[in-house]
């Protein structure tokens, strides 16, 4: 798979007991597309609180895996309508969590595209929040990212 330079805009929305929290990040990254698979990677920054961590999305038609390696180590597998568990490792310890994926929308090609994931996070079988990722991928010369409206 040939990887190319892209500009990635990630908006993460966490709906918890205290209301929604939004984190937006625009960063350089890499995109590779091969048949019906895509790989998207970028380095986290201080803004996300994960500096020293590489984030990768492995995208296939029905499954998206988010992998973080470095300061934080975890792998989350998103499949619509399925509950998956993951170990969330931090410098302070590890925690087993569950996630239920409500919806995945993804349109990525060699020029970029978008991905949306809507899911619930659980600890000890209790929902602790609803999260959404909105990811836009553009070629560097097309980095006017604000033009896309989200259907969710």
N, C-alpha and C. Protein backbone atom coordinates (compact mmCIF):
# COMPACT_ATOMS: atom_id res chain seq x y z
N UNK A 1 0.85 -1.17 0.00
CA UNK A 1 0.00 0.00 0.00
C UNK A 1 0.90 1.24 0.00
N UNK A 2 0.66 2.13 -0.93
CA UNK A 2 1.43 3.37 -1.02
C UNK A 2 0.77 4.43 -0.16
N UNK A 3 1.55 5.02 0.73
CA UNK A 3 1.04 6.05 1.64
C UNK A 3 1.38 7.42 1.05
N UNK A 4 0.43 8.36 1.17
CA UNK A 4 0.66 9.71 0.67
C UNK A 4 0.34 10.73 1.75
N UNK A 5 0.93 11.90 1.63
CA UNK A 5 0.70 12.98 2.58
C UNK A 5 -0.70 13.55 2.42
N UNK A 6 -1.37 13.79 3.54
CA UNK A 6 -2.71 14.37 3.55
C UNK A 6 -2.83 15.32 4.75
N UNK A 7 -3.90 16.09 4.75
CA UNK A 7 -4.28 16.91 5.90
C UNK A 7 -5.51 16.25 6.50
N UNK A 8 -5.47 16.01 7.81
CA UNK A 8 -6.54 15.29 8.49
C UNK A 8 -7.18 16.22 9.51
N UNK A 9 -8.50 16.32 9.46
CA UNK A 9 -9.26 17.07 10.46
C UNK A 9 -10.06 16.06 11.26
N UNK A 10 -9.82 16.03 12.57
CA UNK A 10 -10.53 15.10 13.45
C UNK A 10 -11.33 15.93 14.46
N UNK A 11 -12.62 15.67 14.53
CA UNK A 11 -13.45 16.26 15.56
C UNK A 11 -13.99 15.11 16.40
N UNK A 12 -13.67 15.14 17.68
CA UNK A 12 -14.16 14.14 18.60
C UNK A 12 -15.17 14.78 19.54
N UNK A 13 -16.34 14.19 19.64
CA UNK A 13 -17.39 14.71 20.52
C UNK A 13 -17.70 13.64 21.55
N UNK A 14 -17.55 13.98 22.83
CA UNK A 14 -17.84 13.06 23.92
C UNK A 14 -19.02 13.61 24.70
N UNK A 15 -20.10 12.83 24.73
CA UNK A 15 -21.30 13.22 25.48
C UNK A 15 -21.30 12.44 26.78
N UNK A 16 -20.98 13.10 27.88
CA UNK A 16 -20.96 12.45 29.18
C UNK A 16 -21.95 13.10 30.12
N UNK A 17 -21.89 12.76 31.40
CA UNK A 17 -22.83 13.30 32.37
C UNK A 17 -22.77 14.83 32.49
N UNK A 18 -21.61 15.42 32.23
CA UNK A 18 -21.47 16.86 32.33
C UNK A 18 -21.78 17.61 31.05
N UNK A 19 -22.30 16.93 30.04
CA UNK A 19 -22.60 17.57 28.76
C UNK A 19 -21.53 17.23 27.73
N UNK A 20 -21.69 17.76 26.52
CA UNK A 20 -20.75 17.40 25.45
C UNK A 20 -19.42 18.15 25.58
N UNK A 21 -18.34 17.43 25.23
CA UNK A 21 -17.02 18.02 25.11
C UNK A 21 -16.54 17.76 23.69
N UNK A 22 -16.01 18.79 23.05
CA UNK A 22 -15.55 18.66 21.67
C UNK A 22 -14.07 18.96 21.60
N UNK A 23 -13.35 18.12 20.87
CA UNK A 23 -11.93 18.33 20.61
C UNK A 23 -11.74 18.32 19.10
N UNK A 24 -11.11 19.35 18.58
CA UNK A 24 -10.84 19.43 17.14
C UNK A 24 -9.35 19.48 16.92
N UNK A 25 -8.90 18.74 15.93
CA UNK A 25 -7.48 18.66 15.61
C UNK A 25 -7.33 18.66 14.09
N UNK A 26 -6.48 19.53 13.56
CA UNK A 26 -6.11 19.50 12.15
C UNK A 26 -4.61 19.24 12.12
N UNK A 27 -4.22 18.18 11.43
CA UNK A 27 -2.84 17.74 11.48
C UNK A 27 -2.41 17.08 10.18
N UNK A 28 -1.12 17.10 9.86
CA UNK A 28 -0.66 16.33 8.71
C UNK A 28 -0.69 14.84 9.06
N UNK A 29 -0.90 14.03 8.05
CA UNK A 29 -0.92 12.60 8.25
C UNK A 29 -0.62 11.87 6.96
N UNK A 30 -0.88 10.58 6.96
CA UNK A 30 -0.65 9.73 5.80
C UNK A 30 -1.90 8.92 5.50
N UNK A 31 -2.19 8.72 4.23
CA UNK A 31 -3.33 7.92 3.78
C UNK A 31 -2.86 6.93 2.73
N UNK A 32 -3.29 5.69 2.89
CA UNK A 32 -3.05 4.66 1.89
C UNK A 32 -4.36 3.95 1.60
N UNK A 33 -4.63 3.70 0.32
CA UNK A 33 -5.86 3.03 -0.09
C UNK A 33 -5.47 1.90 -1.02
N UNK A 34 -6.03 0.70 -0.77
CA UNK A 34 -5.73 -0.47 -1.58
C UNK A 34 -7.02 -1.30 -1.69
N UNK A 35 -7.60 -1.32 -2.88
CA UNK A 35 -8.87 -2.03 -3.12
C UNK A 35 -9.94 -1.57 -2.16
N UNK A 36 -10.37 -2.43 -1.23
CA UNK A 36 -11.43 -2.05 -0.31
C UNK A 36 -10.92 -1.80 1.11
N UNK A 37 -9.63 -1.44 1.23
CA UNK A 37 -9.04 -1.13 2.53
C UNK A 37 -8.39 0.24 2.49
N UNK A 38 -8.37 0.91 3.64
CA UNK A 38 -7.67 2.19 3.75
C UNK A 38 -6.94 2.22 5.08
N UNK A 39 -5.83 2.92 5.11
CA UNK A 39 -5.06 3.13 6.33
C UNK A 39 -4.80 4.61 6.46
N UNK A 40 -5.12 5.16 7.63
CA UNK A 40 -4.97 6.57 7.90
C UNK A 40 -4.15 6.69 9.19
N UNK A 41 -3.04 7.45 9.17
CA UNK A 41 -2.21 7.59 10.37
C UNK A 41 -1.83 9.05 10.58
N UNK A 42 -1.65 9.40 11.86
CA UNK A 42 -1.16 10.73 12.21
C UNK A 42 -0.56 10.70 13.61
N UNK A 43 0.25 11.70 13.91
CA UNK A 43 0.86 11.85 15.22
C UNK A 43 -0.03 12.76 16.07
N UNK A 44 -0.33 12.33 17.28
CA UNK A 44 -1.11 13.15 18.20
C UNK A 44 -0.27 14.34 18.66
N UNK A 45 -0.94 15.38 19.16
CA UNK A 45 -0.26 16.59 19.59
C UNK A 45 -0.58 16.87 21.06
N UNK A 46 0.02 17.91 21.59
CA UNK A 46 -0.28 18.32 22.96
C UNK A 46 -1.75 18.68 23.12
N UNK A 47 -2.35 19.26 22.07
CA UNK A 47 -3.76 19.65 22.12
C UNK A 47 -4.66 18.48 22.49
N UNK A 48 -4.38 17.31 21.95
CA UNK A 48 -5.21 16.14 22.24
C UNK A 48 -4.83 15.49 23.57
N UNK A 49 -3.72 15.91 24.15
CA UNK A 49 -3.26 15.31 25.40
C UNK A 49 -2.56 13.99 25.18
N UNK A 50 -2.30 13.64 23.93
CA UNK A 50 -1.69 12.35 23.61
C UNK A 50 -0.36 12.48 22.87
N UNK A 51 0.33 13.62 23.07
CA UNK A 51 1.60 13.81 22.39
C UNK A 51 2.50 12.61 22.68
N UNK A 52 3.20 12.14 21.63
CA UNK A 52 4.02 10.95 21.77
C UNK A 52 3.28 9.68 21.39
N UNK A 53 2.09 9.83 20.81
CA UNK A 53 1.26 8.69 20.41
C UNK A 53 0.95 8.77 18.92
N UNK A 54 1.04 7.66 18.23
CA UNK A 54 0.63 7.56 16.82
C UNK A 54 -0.75 6.93 16.77
N UNK A 55 -1.68 7.58 16.06
CA UNK A 55 -3.02 7.05 15.89
C UNK A 55 -3.19 6.54 14.47
N UNK A 56 -3.75 5.35 14.31
CA UNK A 56 -4.00 4.75 13.00
C UNK A 56 -5.43 4.25 12.93
N UNK A 57 -6.07 4.49 11.80
CA UNK A 57 -7.38 3.91 11.50
C UNK A 57 -7.19 2.91 10.37
N UNK A 58 -7.51 1.63 10.62
CA UNK A 58 -7.56 0.61 9.57
C UNK A 58 -9.02 0.49 9.18
N UNK A 59 -9.33 0.81 7.94
CA UNK A 59 -10.71 0.89 7.49
C UNK A 59 -10.98 -0.19 6.45
N UNK A 60 -11.99 -1.02 6.70
CA UNK A 60 -12.46 -1.98 5.71
C UNK A 60 -13.97 -1.77 5.59
N UNK A 61 -14.63 -2.45 4.65
CA UNK A 61 -16.05 -2.16 4.41
C UNK A 61 -16.96 -2.23 5.64
N UNK A 62 -16.73 -3.15 6.56
CA UNK A 62 -17.66 -3.30 7.68
C UNK A 62 -17.02 -3.08 9.05
N UNK A 63 -15.70 -2.90 9.09
CA UNK A 63 -14.99 -2.78 10.36
C UNK A 63 -13.96 -1.66 10.28
N UNK A 64 -13.91 -0.86 11.35
CA UNK A 64 -12.86 0.15 11.48
C UNK A 64 -12.13 -0.13 12.79
N UNK A 65 -10.80 -0.22 12.72
CA UNK A 65 -9.98 -0.40 13.92
C UNK A 65 -9.19 0.87 14.15
N UNK A 66 -9.26 1.38 15.37
CA UNK A 66 -8.46 2.53 15.77
C UNK A 66 -7.37 2.01 16.69
N UNK A 67 -6.12 2.28 16.33
CA UNK A 67 -5.00 1.80 17.13
C UNK A 67 -4.18 3.02 17.58
N UNK A 68 -3.85 3.06 18.85
CA UNK A 68 -2.96 4.10 19.37
C UNK A 68 -1.75 3.41 19.98
N UNK A 69 -0.56 3.92 19.61
CA UNK A 69 0.68 3.34 20.12
C UNK A 69 1.61 4.46 20.55
N UNK A 70 2.24 4.30 21.71
CA UNK A 70 3.15 5.31 22.23
C UNK A 70 2.84 5.58 23.68
N UNK A 71 2.58 6.84 23.99
CA UNK A 71 2.24 7.24 25.36
C UNK A 71 0.98 6.51 25.84
N UNK A 72 0.02 6.34 24.93
CA UNK A 72 -1.21 5.59 25.18
C UNK A 72 -1.23 4.41 24.21
N UNK A 73 -1.58 3.23 24.70
CA UNK A 73 -1.66 2.05 23.85
C UNK A 73 -3.04 1.45 23.96
N UNK A 74 -3.71 1.33 22.82
CA UNK A 74 -5.03 0.71 22.81
C UNK A 74 -5.40 0.34 21.37
N UNK A 75 -6.34 -0.57 21.24
CA UNK A 75 -6.93 -0.87 19.94
C UNK A 75 -8.43 -1.02 20.13
N UNK A 76 -9.18 -0.20 19.40
CA UNK A 76 -10.64 -0.23 19.47
C UNK A 76 -11.16 -0.72 18.13
N UNK A 77 -12.07 -1.70 18.16
CA UNK A 77 -12.65 -2.25 16.94
C UNK A 77 -14.12 -1.85 16.88
N UNK A 78 -14.47 -1.15 15.79
CA UNK A 78 -15.83 -0.67 15.59
C UNK A 78 -16.52 -1.51 14.53
N UNK A 79 -17.66 -2.13 14.90
CA UNK A 79 -18.51 -2.88 13.98
C UNK A 79 -19.94 -2.51 14.33
N UNK A 80 -20.68 -2.02 13.35
CA UNK A 80 -22.06 -1.60 13.62
C UNK A 80 -22.86 -2.71 14.28
N UNK A 81 -23.56 -2.36 15.36
CA UNK A 81 -24.44 -3.30 16.03
C UNK A 81 -23.73 -4.33 16.89
N UNK A 82 -22.42 -4.23 17.06
CA UNK A 82 -21.68 -5.21 17.86
C UNK A 82 -21.00 -4.54 19.03
N UNK A 83 -20.88 -5.30 20.11
CA UNK A 83 -20.15 -4.84 21.29
C UNK A 83 -18.76 -5.46 21.28
N UNK A 84 -17.75 -4.62 21.39
CA UNK A 84 -16.38 -5.08 21.46
C UNK A 84 -15.73 -4.52 22.71
N UNK A 85 -14.74 -5.22 23.22
CA UNK A 85 -14.02 -4.78 24.41
C UNK A 85 -12.61 -4.39 24.02
N UNK A 86 -12.04 -3.47 24.79
CA UNK A 86 -10.66 -3.07 24.54
C UNK A 86 -10.00 -2.69 25.85
N UNK A 87 -8.68 -2.85 25.88
CA UNK A 87 -7.89 -2.48 27.04
C UNK A 87 -7.32 -1.10 26.78
N UNK A 88 -7.64 -0.17 27.66
CA UNK A 88 -7.16 1.20 27.52
C UNK A 88 -6.00 1.37 28.49
N UNK A 89 -4.78 1.48 27.94
CA UNK A 89 -3.58 1.61 28.75
C UNK A 89 -3.14 3.06 28.81
N UNK A 90 -2.82 3.51 30.02
CA UNK A 90 -2.30 4.86 30.21
C UNK A 90 -1.04 4.76 31.06
N UNK A 91 -0.30 5.84 31.21
CA UNK A 91 0.85 5.81 32.11
C UNK A 91 0.46 5.53 33.56
N UNK A 92 -0.82 5.69 33.90
CA UNK A 92 -1.28 5.52 35.27
C UNK A 92 -1.91 4.15 35.54
N UNK A 93 -2.11 3.34 34.49
CA UNK A 93 -2.71 2.03 34.66
C UNK A 93 -3.58 1.67 33.47
N UNK A 94 -4.21 0.50 33.55
CA UNK A 94 -5.04 -0.01 32.45
C UNK A 94 -6.48 -0.19 32.90
N UNK A 95 -7.39 -0.11 31.93
CA UNK A 95 -8.82 -0.23 32.22
C UNK A 95 -9.48 -0.99 31.07
N UNK A 96 -10.28 -2.03 31.38
CA UNK A 96 -11.03 -2.75 30.37
C UNK A 96 -12.34 -2.00 30.12
N UNK A 97 -12.60 -1.69 28.86
CA UNK A 97 -13.79 -0.93 28.49
C UNK A 97 -14.50 -1.65 27.35
N UNK A 98 -15.78 -1.33 27.19
CA UNK A 98 -16.56 -1.88 26.09
C UNK A 98 -17.04 -0.75 25.19
N UNK A 99 -17.32 -1.09 23.96
CA UNK A 99 -17.92 -0.10 23.07
C UNK A 99 -18.95 -0.76 22.19
N UNK A 100 -20.05 -0.05 22.01
CA UNK A 100 -21.13 -0.46 21.11
C UNK A 100 -21.17 0.55 19.97
N UNK A 101 -20.97 0.08 18.76
CA UNK A 101 -20.95 0.97 17.61
C UNK A 101 -22.37 1.13 17.08
N UNK A 102 -22.84 2.37 17.06
CA UNK A 102 -24.17 2.67 16.55
C UNK A 102 -24.17 2.83 15.04
N UNK A 103 -23.14 3.53 14.52
CA UNK A 103 -23.14 3.83 13.09
C UNK A 103 -21.73 4.12 12.59
N UNK A 104 -21.41 3.61 11.42
CA UNK A 104 -20.17 3.93 10.73
C UNK A 104 -20.53 4.41 9.34
N UNK A 105 -19.98 5.56 8.96
CA UNK A 105 -20.09 6.04 7.58
C UNK A 105 -18.67 6.33 7.12
N UNK A 106 -18.33 5.84 5.96
CA UNK A 106 -16.96 6.03 5.49
C UNK A 106 -16.93 6.10 3.97
N UNK A 107 -16.28 7.12 3.48
CA UNK A 107 -16.03 7.25 2.04
C UNK A 107 -14.60 7.78 1.89
N UNK A 108 -13.67 6.87 1.73
CA UNK A 108 -12.28 7.23 1.53
C UNK A 108 -11.79 6.68 0.20
N UNK A 109 -11.03 7.50 -0.52
CA UNK A 109 -10.35 7.03 -1.72
C UNK A 109 -8.95 7.61 -1.71
N UNK A 110 -8.18 7.41 -2.77
CA UNK A 110 -6.79 7.84 -2.78
C UNK A 110 -6.63 9.36 -2.69
N UNK A 111 -7.70 10.12 -2.85
CA UNK A 111 -7.63 11.58 -2.77
C UNK A 111 -8.12 12.11 -1.42
N UNK A 112 -8.70 11.26 -0.58
CA UNK A 112 -9.20 11.70 0.72
C UNK A 112 -10.62 11.21 0.94
N UNK A 113 -11.41 12.00 1.66
CA UNK A 113 -12.79 11.64 1.94
C UNK A 113 -13.14 11.91 3.38
N UNK A 114 -14.09 11.13 3.90
CA UNK A 114 -14.52 11.33 5.28
C UNK A 114 -14.87 10.00 5.94
N UNK A 115 -14.92 10.07 7.27
CA UNK A 115 -15.32 8.92 8.06
C UNK A 115 -16.02 9.45 9.30
N UNK A 116 -17.10 8.79 9.69
CA UNK A 116 -17.83 9.12 10.91
C UNK A 116 -18.10 7.83 11.68
N UNK A 117 -17.86 7.88 12.98
CA UNK A 117 -18.14 6.74 13.84
C UNK A 117 -18.89 7.25 15.05
N UNK A 118 -20.02 6.65 15.33
CA UNK A 118 -20.87 7.01 16.47
C UNK A 118 -20.95 5.77 17.36
N UNK A 119 -20.53 5.90 18.63
CA UNK A 119 -20.48 4.73 19.50
C UNK A 119 -20.67 5.11 20.96
N UNK A 120 -21.05 4.11 21.77
CA UNK A 120 -21.19 4.27 23.21
C UNK A 120 -20.03 3.56 23.90
N UNK A 121 -19.52 4.17 24.97
CA UNK A 121 -18.44 3.58 25.76
C UNK A 121 -19.03 3.07 27.07
N UNK A 122 -18.58 1.87 27.48
CA UNK A 122 -19.05 1.25 28.72
C UNK A 122 -17.88 0.91 29.63
N UNK A 123 -18.13 1.02 30.93
CA UNK A 123 -17.22 0.52 31.95
C UNK A 123 -18.08 -0.32 32.89
N UNK A 124 -17.67 -1.56 33.13
CA UNK A 124 -18.46 -2.49 33.97
C UNK A 124 -19.90 -2.60 33.48
N UNK A 125 -20.10 -2.70 32.19
CA UNK A 125 -21.41 -2.84 31.53
C UNK A 125 -22.35 -1.66 31.75
N UNK A 126 -21.82 -0.52 32.16
CA UNK A 126 -22.63 0.70 32.30
C UNK A 126 -22.14 1.73 31.29
N UNK A 127 -23.07 2.31 30.53
CA UNK A 127 -22.70 3.32 29.54
C UNK A 127 -22.20 4.56 30.28
N UNK A 128 -20.99 5.00 29.92
CA UNK A 128 -20.42 6.19 30.55
C UNK A 128 -20.35 7.37 29.59
N UNK A 129 -20.71 7.14 28.33
CA UNK A 129 -20.72 8.25 27.39
C UNK A 129 -20.98 7.80 25.97
N UNK A 130 -21.44 8.75 25.17
CA UNK A 130 -21.62 8.54 23.74
C UNK A 130 -20.56 9.38 23.04
N UNK A 131 -19.83 8.77 22.15
CA UNK A 131 -18.74 9.44 21.45
C UNK A 131 -18.96 9.40 19.95
N UNK A 132 -18.43 10.42 19.29
CA UNK A 132 -18.46 10.46 17.84
C UNK A 132 -17.14 10.99 17.32
N UNK A 133 -16.65 10.35 16.27
CA UNK A 133 -15.49 10.84 15.52
C UNK A 133 -16.00 11.34 14.18
N UNK A 134 -15.56 12.52 13.79
CA UNK A 134 -15.78 13.04 12.44
C UNK A 134 -14.38 13.29 11.88
N UNK A 135 -14.05 12.60 10.81
CA UNK A 135 -12.71 12.71 10.23
C UNK A 135 -12.84 13.13 8.78
N UNK A 136 -12.12 14.18 8.41
CA UNK A 136 -12.06 14.62 7.01
C UNK A 136 -10.61 14.51 6.56
N UNK A 137 -10.40 13.93 5.39
CA UNK A 137 -9.06 13.76 4.84
C UNK A 137 -9.00 14.46 3.50
N UNK A 138 -8.02 15.34 3.35
CA UNK A 138 -7.85 16.10 2.09
C UNK A 138 -6.40 16.05 1.66
N UNK A 139 -6.19 16.18 0.37
CA UNK A 139 -4.84 16.37 -0.12
C UNK A 139 -4.36 17.74 0.34
N UNK A 140 -3.06 17.93 0.59
CA UNK A 140 -2.57 19.18 1.17
C UNK A 140 -3.03 20.45 0.46
N UNK A 141 -3.10 20.45 -0.85
CA UNK A 141 -3.50 21.65 -1.58
C UNK A 141 -5.00 21.93 -1.47
N UNK A 142 -5.78 20.97 -0.92
CA UNK A 142 -7.22 21.15 -0.78
C UNK A 142 -7.62 21.28 0.69
N UNK A 143 -6.79 21.85 1.51
CA UNK A 143 -7.00 21.76 2.94
C UNK A 143 -8.01 22.76 3.50
N UNK A 144 -8.91 23.29 2.67
CA UNK A 144 -10.00 24.11 3.16
C UNK A 144 -11.11 23.18 3.68
N UNK A 145 -10.91 22.63 4.85
CA UNK A 145 -11.69 21.53 5.40
C UNK A 145 -13.11 21.93 5.80
N UNK A 146 -13.37 23.18 6.12
CA UNK A 146 -14.65 23.58 6.67
C UNK A 146 -15.84 23.47 5.74
N UNK A 147 -15.66 23.01 4.51
CA UNK A 147 -16.74 22.99 3.54
C UNK A 147 -17.69 21.80 3.66
N UNK A 148 -17.35 20.79 4.45
CA UNK A 148 -18.16 19.57 4.51
C UNK A 148 -19.14 19.67 5.67
N UNK A 149 -20.40 19.32 5.43
CA UNK A 149 -21.43 19.28 6.49
C UNK A 149 -21.70 17.82 6.84
N UNK A 150 -21.90 17.57 8.09
CA UNK A 150 -22.09 16.20 8.56
C UNK A 150 -23.56 15.83 8.62
N UNK A 151 -23.92 14.62 8.12
CA UNK A 151 -25.31 14.18 8.19
C UNK A 151 -25.72 13.70 9.58
N UNK A 152 -24.81 13.42 10.47
CA UNK A 152 -25.17 12.92 11.81
C UNK A 152 -25.46 14.09 12.71
